[in-house]
Each structure stands twice: as structure tokens, then as C-alpha cells.
Amino acid sequence: MLLSLVTQTITVTGPTNEVSRLLRGETRAFGLIQLKEDDFERMDVFKLVTPDYHLPNGVELAEEPPPIEFKLVYVTQDAEGG
């Protein structure tokens, strides 16, 4: 199964030095979407989900981000493996 990376712009707040480290790429923020068995049974159906965000210590979301719309699709590889 091939999963694609989805990016979303979020607004955060926190101590200036921690936010600066995040902007410089010294720390990371990421969102996680937990898939359930039901999601795999309903392939090709669009779904709206707000990820669970994991942020550096002291940094938090400044506002609730909008949900991400996605769908799972089957991807097959050709005979040459591409």
C-alpha cells in the first residue's frame, strides 16, 4: 500500500525561541491521522478528518485547523515494478 504525504499550514503560538526553532527546522510539528479498518473497507470515498497534531514542548495550535479531505485508493505497480 502506498500512502501519500499531505501537508497543511497551521498557525502555532508559544515561546519565541521554540517557535523560531520550529521555523528553522530544528524541531518538527506533524499531524497524525489514525486509520481504522472501516476506512480500508470504504476505499475511494472522500473523508474529512482533523489530524492529531504533535508539536514541540511549549508550542500549541493558535487556532483550530480545518479538516483535511482525503481518500484512500488502490495503487498497482506495472510488471517492471514502477
PDB file of N, CA and C in Angstrom:
ATOM      1  N   MET A   1       0.843  -1.158   0.000  1.00  0.00           N
ATOM      2  CA  MET A   1       0.000   0.000   0.000  1.00  0.00           C
ATOM      3  C   MET A   1       0.895   1.230   0.000  1.00  0.00           C
ATOM      4  N   LEU A   2       0.548   2.213  -0.795  1.00  0.00           N
ATOM      5  CA  LEU A   2       1.293   3.456  -0.908  1.00  0.00           C
ATOM      6  C   LEU A   2       0.486   4.563  -0.251  1.00  0.00           C
ATOM      7  N   LEU A   3       1.087   5.261   0.715  1.00  0.00           N
ATOM      8  CA  LEU A   3       0.431   6.384   1.367  1.00  0.00           C
ATOM      9  C   LEU A   3       1.128   7.662   0.953  1.00  0.00           C
ATOM     10  N   SER A   4       0.354   8.680   0.623  1.00  0.00           N
ATOM     11  CA  SER A   4       0.924   9.953   0.203  1.00  0.00           C
ATOM     12  C   SER A   4       0.976  10.924   1.362  1.00  0.00           C
ATOM     13  N   LEU A   5       1.970  11.783   1.350  1.00  0.00           N
ATOM     14  CA  LEU A   5       2.123  12.814   2.362  1.00  0.00           C
ATOM     15  C   LEU A   5       1.215  13.988   2.010  1.00  0.00           C
ATOM     16  N   VAL A   6       0.436  14.428   2.973  1.00  0.00           N
ATOM     17  CA  VAL A   6      -0.427  15.584   2.803  1.00  0.00           C
ATOM     18  C   VAL A   6       0.104  16.676   3.706  1.00  0.00           C
ATOM     19  N   THR A   7       0.261  17.888   3.178  1.00  0.00           N
ATOM     20  CA  THR A   7       0.726  18.981   4.017  1.00  0.00           C
ATOM     21  C   THR A   7      -0.401  19.966   4.260  1.00  0.00           C
ATOM     22  N   GLN A   8      -0.311  20.652   5.375  1.00  0.00           N
ATOM     23  CA  GLN A   8      -1.309  21.640   5.744  1.00  0.00           C
ATOM     24  C   GLN A   8      -0.583  22.744   6.512  1.00  0.00           C
ATOM     25  N   THR A   9      -0.967  23.980   6.268  1.00  0.00           N
ATOM     26  CA  THR A   9      -0.399  25.093   7.007  1.00  0.00           C
ATOM     27  C   THR A   9      -1.190  25.275   8.286  1.00  0.00           C
ATOM     28  N   ILE A  10      -0.479  25.332   9.415  1.00  0.00           N
ATOM     29  CA  ILE A  10      -1.122  25.548  10.704  1.00  0.00           C
ATOM     30  C   ILE A  10      -0.521  26.790  11.347  1.00  0.00           C
ATOM     31  N   THR A  11      -1.258  27.412  12.244  1.00  0.00           N
ATOM     32  CA  THR A  11      -0.788  28.570  12.993  1.00  0.00           C
ATOM     33  C   THR A  11      -0.540  28.127  14.421  1.00  0.00           C
ATOM     34  N   VAL A  12       0.666  28.418  14.916  1.00  0.00           N
ATOM     35  CA  VAL A  12       1.035  27.999  16.270  1.00  0.00           C
ATOM     36  C   VAL A  12       1.409  29.215  17.110  1.00  0.00           C
ATOM     37  N   THR A  13       1.426  29.003  18.402  1.00  0.00           N
ATOM     38  CA  THR A  13       1.842  30.018  19.354  1.00  0.00           C
ATOM     39  C   THR A  13       2.690  29.356  20.422  1.00  0.00           C
ATOM     40  N   GLY A  14       3.540  30.139  21.047  1.00  0.00           N
ATOM     41  CA  GLY A  14       4.405  29.604  22.091  1.00  0.00           C
ATOM     42  C   GLY A  14       5.572  30.529  22.332  1.00  0.00           C
ATOM     43  N   PRO A  15       6.518  30.098  23.160  1.00  0.00           N
ATOM     44  CA  PRO A  15       7.709  30.919  23.416  1.00  0.00           C
ATOM     45  C   PRO A  15       8.444  31.219  22.108  1.00  0.00           C
ATOM     46  N   THR A  16       8.914  32.446  21.977  1.00  0.00           N
ATOM     47  CA  THR A  16       9.564  32.892  20.741  1.00  0.00           C
ATOM     48  C   THR A  16      10.689  31.959  20.311  1.00  0.00           C
ATOM     49  N   ASN A  17      11.527  31.532  21.258  1.00  0.00           N
ATOM     50  CA  ASN A  17      12.662  30.674  20.882  1.00  0.00           C
ATOM     51  C   ASN A  17      12.188  29.316  20.361  1.00  0.00           C
ATOM     52  N   GLU A  18      11.113  28.756  20.926  1.00  0.00           N
ATOM     53  CA  GLU A  18      10.605  27.457  20.454  1.00  0.00           C
ATOM     54  C   GLU A  18       9.957  27.579  19.078  1.00  0.00           C
ATOM     55  N   VAL A  19       9.202  28.649  18.851  1.00  0.00           N
ATOM     56  CA  VAL A  19       8.587  28.864  17.536  1.00  0.00           C
ATOM     57  C   VAL A  19       9.679  29.109  16.500  1.00  0.00           C
ATOM     58  N   SER A  20      10.707  29.865  16.851  1.00  0.00           N
ATOM     59  CA  SER A  20      11.827  30.116  15.927  1.00  0.00           C
ATOM     60  C   SER A  20      12.541  28.820  15.564  1.00  0.00           C
ATOM     61  N   ARG A  21      12.758  27.956  16.533  1.00  0.00           N
ATOM     62  CA  ARG A  21      13.402  26.660  16.263  1.00  0.00           C
ATOM     63  C   ARG A  21      12.558  25.837  15.303  1.00  0.00           C
ATOM     64  N   LEU A  22      11.245  25.896  15.477  1.00  0.00           N
ATOM     65  CA  LEU A  22      10.335  25.177  14.593  1.00  0.00           C
ATOM     66  C   LEU A  22      10.422  25.731  13.172  1.00  0.00           C
ATOM     67  N   LEU A  23      10.429  27.044  13.035  1.00  0.00           N
ATOM     68  CA  LEU A  23      10.516  27.679  11.716  1.00  0.00           C
ATOM     69  C   LEU A  23      11.839  27.383  11.024  1.00  0.00           C
ATOM     70  N   ARG A  24      12.915  27.250  11.790  1.00  0.00           N
ATOM     71  CA  ARG A  24      14.231  26.942  11.210  1.00  0.00           C
ATOM     72  C   ARG A  24      14.388  25.458  10.889  1.00  0.00           C
ATOM     73  N   GLY A  25      13.434  24.644  11.327  1.00  0.00           N
ATOM     74  CA  GLY A  25      13.520  23.215  11.064  1.00  0.00           C
ATOM     75  C   GLY A  25      14.325  22.449  12.099  1.00  0.00           C
ATOM     76  N   GLU A  26      14.670  23.091  13.216  1.00  0.00           N
ATOM     77  CA  GLU A  26      15.425  22.416  14.268  1.00  0.00           C
ATOM     78  C   GLU A  26      14.533  21.477  15.077  1.00  0.00           C
ATOM     79  N   THR A  27      13.251  21.764  15.107  1.00  0.00           N
ATOM     80  CA  THR A  27      12.261  20.881  15.714  1.00  0.00           C
ATOM     81  C   THR A  27      11.181  20.640  14.665  1.00  0.00           C
ATOM     82  N   ARG A  28      10.276  19.726  14.966  1.00  0.00           N
ATOM     83  CA  ARG A  28       9.254  19.369  13.977  1.00  0.00           C
ATOM     84  C   ARG A  28       7.865  19.403  14.581  1.00  0.00           C
ATOM     85  N   ALA A  29       6.906  19.655  13.710  1.00  0.00           N
ATOM     86  CA  ALA A  29       5.494  19.533  14.049  1.00  0.00           C
ATOM     87  C   ALA A  29       4.894  18.618  12.995  1.00  0.00           C
ATOM     88  N   PHE A  30       3.998  17.729  13.418  1.00  0.00           N
ATOM     89  CA  PHE A  30       3.353  16.864  12.435  1.00  0.00           C
ATOM     90  C   PHE A  30       1.964  16.510  12.906  1.00  0.00           C
ATOM     91  N   GLY A  31       1.133  16.166  11.937  1.00  0.00           N
ATOM     92  CA  GLY A  31      -0.225  15.732  12.221  1.00  0.00           C
ATOM     93  C   GLY A  31      -0.356  14.257  11.904  1.00  0.00           C
ATOM     94  N   LEU A  32      -1.161  13.580  12.676  1.00  0.00           N
ATOM     95  CA  LEU A  32      -1.338  12.140  12.511  1.00  0.00           C
ATOM     96  C   LEU A  32      -2.820  11.841  12.307  1.00  0.00           C
ATOM     97  N   ILE A  33      -3.101  11.081  11.275  1.00  0.00           N
ATOM     98  CA  ILE A  33      -4.467  10.621  11.018  1.00  0.00           C
ATOM     99  C   ILE A  33      -4.484   9.126  11.253  1.00  0.00           C
ATOM    100  N   GLN A  34      -5.240   8.712  12.230  1.00  0.00           N
ATOM    101  CA  GLN A  34      -5.335   7.292  12.574  1.00  0.00           C
ATOM    102  C   GLN A  34      -6.377   6.640  11.668  1.00  0.00           C
ATOM    103  N   LEU A  35      -5.958   5.663  10.878  1.00  0.00           N
ATOM    104  CA  LEU A  35      -6.887   4.947  10.007  1.00  0.00           C
ATOM    105  C   LEU A  35      -7.447   3.736  10.733  1.00  0.00           C
ATOM    106  N   LYS A  36      -8.694   3.446  10.435  1.00  0.00           N
ATOM    107  CA  LYS A  36      -9.357   2.299  11.048  1.00  0.00           C
ATOM    108  C   LYS A  36      -9.728   1.295   9.965  1.00  0.00           C
ATOM    109  N   GLU A  37     -10.058   0.103  10.374  1.00  0.00           N
ATOM    110  CA  GLU A  37     -10.408  -0.943   9.417  1.00  0.00           C
ATOM    111  C   GLU A  37     -11.532  -0.484   8.488  1.00  0.00           C
ATOM    112  N   ASP A  38     -12.494   0.241   9.033  1.00  0.00           N
ATOM    113  CA  ASP A  38     -13.613   0.740   8.233  1.00  0.00           C
ATOM    114  C   ASP A  38     -13.134   1.634   7.084  1.00  0.00           C
ATOM    115  N   ASP A  39     -12.041   2.390   7.308  1.00  0.00           N
ATOM    116  CA  ASP A  39     -11.501   3.244   6.253  1.00  0.00           C
ATOM    117  C   ASP A  39     -11.031   2.420   5.057  1.00  0.00           C
ATOM    118  N   PHE A  40     -10.462   1.246   5.314  1.00  0.00           N
ATOM    119  CA  PHE A  40      -9.969   0.389   4.240  1.00  0.00           C
ATOM    120  C   PHE A  40     -11.096  -0.363   3.539  1.00  0.00           C
ATOM    121  N   GLU A  41     -12.227  -0.489   4.204  1.00  0.00           N
ATOM    122  CA  GLU A  41     -13.389  -1.132   3.592  1.00  0.00           C
ATOM    123  C   GLU A  41     -14.157  -0.163   2.707  1.00  0.00           C
ATOM    124  N   ARG A  42     -13.891   1.141   2.861  1.00  0.00           N
ATOM    125  CA  ARG A  42     -14.590   2.157   2.093  1.00  0.00           C
ATOM    126  C   ARG A  42     -13.600   2.955   1.256  1.00  0.00           C
ATOM    127  N   MET A  43     -12.872   2.247   0.417  1.00  0.00           N
ATOM    128  CA  MET A  43     -11.888   2.890  -0.450  1.00  0.00           C
ATOM    129  C   MET A  43     -12.608   3.788  -1.459  1.00  0.00           C
ATOM    130  N   ASP A  44     -11.903   4.773  -1.976  1.00  0.00           N
ATOM    131  CA  ASP A  44     -12.410   5.709  -2.981  1.00  0.00           C
ATOM    132  C   ASP A  44     -13.543   6.592  -2.479  1.00  0.00           C
ATOM    133  N   VAL A  45     -13.675   6.741  -1.159  1.00  0.00           N
ATOM    134  CA  VAL A  45     -14.681   7.623  -0.588  1.00  0.00           C
ATOM    135  C   VAL A  45     -13.948   8.763   0.107  1.00  0.00           C
ATOM    136  N   PHE A  46     -14.299  10.010  -0.223  1.00  0.00           N
ATOM    137  CA  PHE A  46     -13.665  11.147   0.429  1.00  0.00           C
ATOM    138  C   PHE A  46     -14.082  11.213   1.889  1.00  0.00           C
ATOM    139  N   LYS A  47     -13.128  11.586   2.737  1.00  0.00           N
ATOM    140  CA  LYS A  47     -13.364  11.665   4.169  1.00  0.00           C
ATOM    141  C   LYS A  47     -12.734  12.952   4.694  1.00  0.00           C
ATOM    142  N   LEU A  48     -13.401  13.622   5.615  1.00  0.00           N
ATOM    143  CA  LEU A  48     -12.864  14.815   6.270  1.00  0.00           C
ATOM    144  C   LEU A  48     -12.379  14.442   7.654  1.00  0.00           C
ATOM    145  N   VAL A  49     -11.106  14.750   7.956  1.00  0.00           N
ATOM    146  CA  VAL A  49     -10.520  14.411   9.238  1.00  0.00           C
ATOM    147  C   VAL A  49      -9.605  15.551   9.683  1.00  0.00           C
ATOM    148  N   THR A  50      -9.662  15.889  10.959  1.00  0.00           N
ATOM    149  CA  THR A  50      -8.696  16.820  11.532  1.00  0.00           C
ATOM    150  C   THR A  50      -7.613  15.983  12.209  1.00  0.00           C
ATOM    151  N   PRO A  51      -6.373  16.118  11.761  1.00  0.00           N
ATOM    152  CA  PRO A  51      -5.295  15.319  12.346  1.00  0.00           C
ATOM    153  C   PRO A  51      -5.080  15.641  13.824  1.00  0.00           C
ATOM    154  N   ASP A  52      -4.475  14.711  14.537  1.00  0.00           N
ATOM    155  CA  ASP A  52      -3.978  14.950  15.888  1.00  0.00           C
ATOM    156  C   ASP A  52      -2.579  15.524  15.706  1.00  0.00           C
ATOM    157  N   TYR A  53      -2.381  16.756  16.140  1.00  0.00           N
ATOM    158  CA  TYR A  53      -1.100  17.418  15.920  1.00  0.00           C
ATOM    159  C   TYR A  53      -0.149  17.166  17.087  1.00  0.00           C
ATOM    160  N   HIS A  54       1.104  16.920  16.744  1.00  0.00           N
ATOM    161  CA  HIS A  54       2.173  16.714  17.712  1.00  0.00           C
ATOM    162  C   HIS A  54       3.164  17.864  17.517  1.00  0.00           C
ATOM    163  N   LEU A  55       3.274  18.691  18.545  1.00  0.00           N
ATOM    164  CA  LEU A  55       4.076  19.910  18.461  1.00  0.00           C
ATOM    165  C   LEU A  55       5.182  19.875  19.514  1.00  0.00           C
ATOM    166  N   PRO A  56       6.246  20.664  19.303  1.00  0.00           N
ATOM    167  CA  PRO A  56       7.309  20.727  20.310  1.00  0.00           C
ATOM    168  C   PRO A  56       6.752  21.222  21.653  1.00  0.00           C
ATOM    169  N   ASN A  57       7.442  20.888  22.737  1.00  0.00           N
ATOM    170  CA  ASN A  57       7.030  21.326  24.074  1.00  0.00           C
ATOM    171  C   ASN A  57       6.877  22.843  24.116  1.00  0.00           C
ATOM    172  N   GLY A  58       5.771  23.305  24.690  1.00  0.00           N
ATOM    173  CA  GLY A  58       5.510  24.735  24.840  1.00  0.00           C
ATOM    174  C   GLY A  58       4.822  25.370  23.654  1.00  0.00           C
ATOM    175  N   VAL A  59       4.749  24.656  22.528  1.00  0.00           N
ATOM    176  CA  VAL A  59       4.114  25.176  21.318  1.00  0.00           C
ATOM    177  C   VAL A  59       2.734  24.549  21.195  1.00  0.00           C
ATOM    178  N   GLU A  60       1.747  25.364  20.846  1.00  0.00           N
ATOM    179  CA  GLU A  60       0.393  24.842  20.679  1.00  0.00           C
ATOM    180  C   GLU A  60      -0.277  25.508  19.482  1.00  0.00           C
ATOM    181  N   LEU A  61      -1.360  24.908  19.038  1.00  0.00           N
ATOM    182  CA  LEU A  61      -2.113  25.469  17.922  1.00  0.00           C
ATOM    183  C   LEU A  61      -2.732  26.794  18.356  1.00  0.00           C
ATOM    184  N   ALA A  62      -2.608  27.828  17.501  1.00  0.00           N
ATOM    185  CA  ALA A  62      -3.192  29.130  17.793  1.00  0.00           C
ATOM    186  C   ALA A  62      -4.680  29.136  17.454  1.00  0.00           C
ATOM    187  N   GLU A  63      -5.068  28.293  16.528  1.00  0.00           N
ATOM    188  CA  GLU A  63      -6.464  28.174  16.124  1.00  0.00           C
ATOM    189  C   GLU A  63      -6.699  26.770  15.604  1.00  0.00           C
ATOM    190  N   GLU A  64      -7.933  26.355  15.637  1.00  0.00           N
ATOM    191  CA  GLU A  64      -8.275  25.010  15.161  1.00  0.00           C
ATOM    192  C   GLU A  64      -8.101  24.950  13.643  1.00  0.00           C
ATOM    193  N   PRO A  65      -7.255  24.064  13.148  1.00  0.00           N
ATOM    194  CA  PRO A  65      -7.065  23.968  11.697  1.00  0.00           C
ATOM    195  C   PRO A  65      -8.278  23.306  11.050  1.00  0.00           C
ATOM    196  N   PRO A  66      -8.508  23.605   9.780  1.00  0.00           N
ATOM    197  CA  PRO A  66      -9.614  22.947   9.083  1.00  0.00           C
ATOM    198  C   PRO A  66      -9.291  21.475   8.860  1.00  0.00           C
ATOM    199  N   PRO A  67     -10.320  20.649   8.703  1.00  0.00           N
ATOM    200  CA  PRO A  67     -10.059  19.236   8.424  1.00  0.00           C
ATOM    201  C   PRO A  67      -9.427  19.056   7.048  1.00  0.00           C
ATOM    202  N   ILE A  68      -8.763  17.947   6.889  1.00  0.00           N
ATOM    203  CA  ILE A  68      -8.159  17.576   5.607  1.00  0.00           C
ATOM    204  C   ILE A  68      -9.093  16.594   4.920  1.00  0.00           C
ATOM    205  N   GLU A  69      -9.323  16.816   3.645  1.00  0.00           N
ATOM    206  CA  GLU A  69     -10.154  15.884   2.868  1.00  0.00           C
ATOM    207  C   GLU A  69      -9.224  14.935   2.121  1.00  0.00           C
ATOM    208  N   PHE A  70      -9.479  13.646   2.250  1.00  0.00           N
ATOM    209  CA  PHE A  70      -8.650  12.671   1.566  1.00  0.00           C
ATOM    210  C   PHE A  70      -9.479  11.435   1.244  1.00  0.00           C
ATOM    211  N   LYS A  71      -8.911  10.607   0.390  1.00  0.00           N
ATOM    212  CA  LYS A  71      -9.497   9.291   0.146  1.00  0.00           C
ATOM    213  C   LYS A  71      -8.371   8.311  -0.092  1.00  0.00           C
ATOM    214  N   LEU A  72      -8.604   7.083   0.276  1.00  0.00           N
ATOM    215  CA  LEU A  72      -7.647   6.007   0.044  1.00  0.00           C
ATOM    216  C   LEU A  72      -7.963   5.389  -1.311  1.00  0.00           C
ATOM    217  N   VAL A  73      -6.933   5.129  -2.079  1.00  0.00           N
ATOM    218  CA  VAL A  73      -7.115   4.494  -3.383  1.00  0.00           C
ATOM    219  C   VAL A  73      -6.115   3.350  -3.511  1.00  0.00           C
ATOM    220  N   TYR A  74      -6.498   2.341  -4.240  1.00  0.00           N
ATOM    221  CA  TYR A  74      -5.584   1.226  -4.542  1.00  0.00           C
ATOM    222  C   TYR A  74      -4.602   1.695  -5.613  1.00  0.00           C
ATOM    223  N   VAL A  75      -3.337   1.344  -5.414  1.00  0.00           N
ATOM    224  CA  VAL A  75      -2.298   1.663  -6.387  1.00  0.00           C
ATOM    225  C   VAL A  75      -1.659   0.350  -6.783  1.00  0.00           C
ATOM    226  N   THR A  76      -1.596   0.096  -8.076  1.00  0.00           N
ATOM    227  CA  THR A  76      -0.950  -1.130  -8.547  1.00  0.00           C
ATOM    228  C   THR A  76       0.331  -0.763  -9.272  1.00  0.00           C
ATOM    229  N   GLN A  77       1.283  -1.659  -9.232  1.00  0.00           N
ATOM    230  CA  GLN A  77       2.548  -1.440  -9.930  1.00  0.00           C
ATOM    231  C   GLN A  77       2.528  -2.247 -11.218  1.00  0.00           C
ATOM    232  N   ASP A  78       3.179  -1.690 -12.255  1.00  0.00           N
ATOM    233  CA  ASP A  78       3.249  -2.435 -13.506  1.00  0.00           C
ATOM    234  C   ASP A  78       4.253  -3.579 -13.374  1.00  0.00           C
ATOM    235  N   ALA A  79       4.381  -4.359 -14.394  1.00  0.00           N
ATOM    236  CA  ALA A  79       5.230  -5.553 -14.363  1.00  0.00           C
ATOM    237  C   ALA A  79       6.704  -5.234 -14.129  1.00  0.00           C
ATOM    238  N   GLU A  80       7.126  -3.991 -14.448  1.00  0.00           N
ATOM    239  CA  GLU A  80       8.528  -3.611 -14.283  1.00  0.00           C
ATOM    240  C   GLU A  80       8.788  -3.060 -12.884  1.00  0.00           C
ATOM    241  N   GLY A  81       7.778  -3.046 -12.012  1.00  0.00           N
ATOM    242  CA  GLY A  81       7.972  -2.607 -10.638  1.00  0.00           C
ATOM    243  C   GLY A  81       7.861  -1.110 -10.451  1.00  0.00           C
ATOM    244  N   GLY A  82       7.377  -0.361 -11.433  1.00  0.00           N
ATOM    245  CA  GLY A  82       7.346   1.092 -11.334  1.00  0.00           C
ATOM    246  C   GLY A  82       6.033   1.586 -10.979  1.00  0.00           C
TER     247      GLY A  82
END
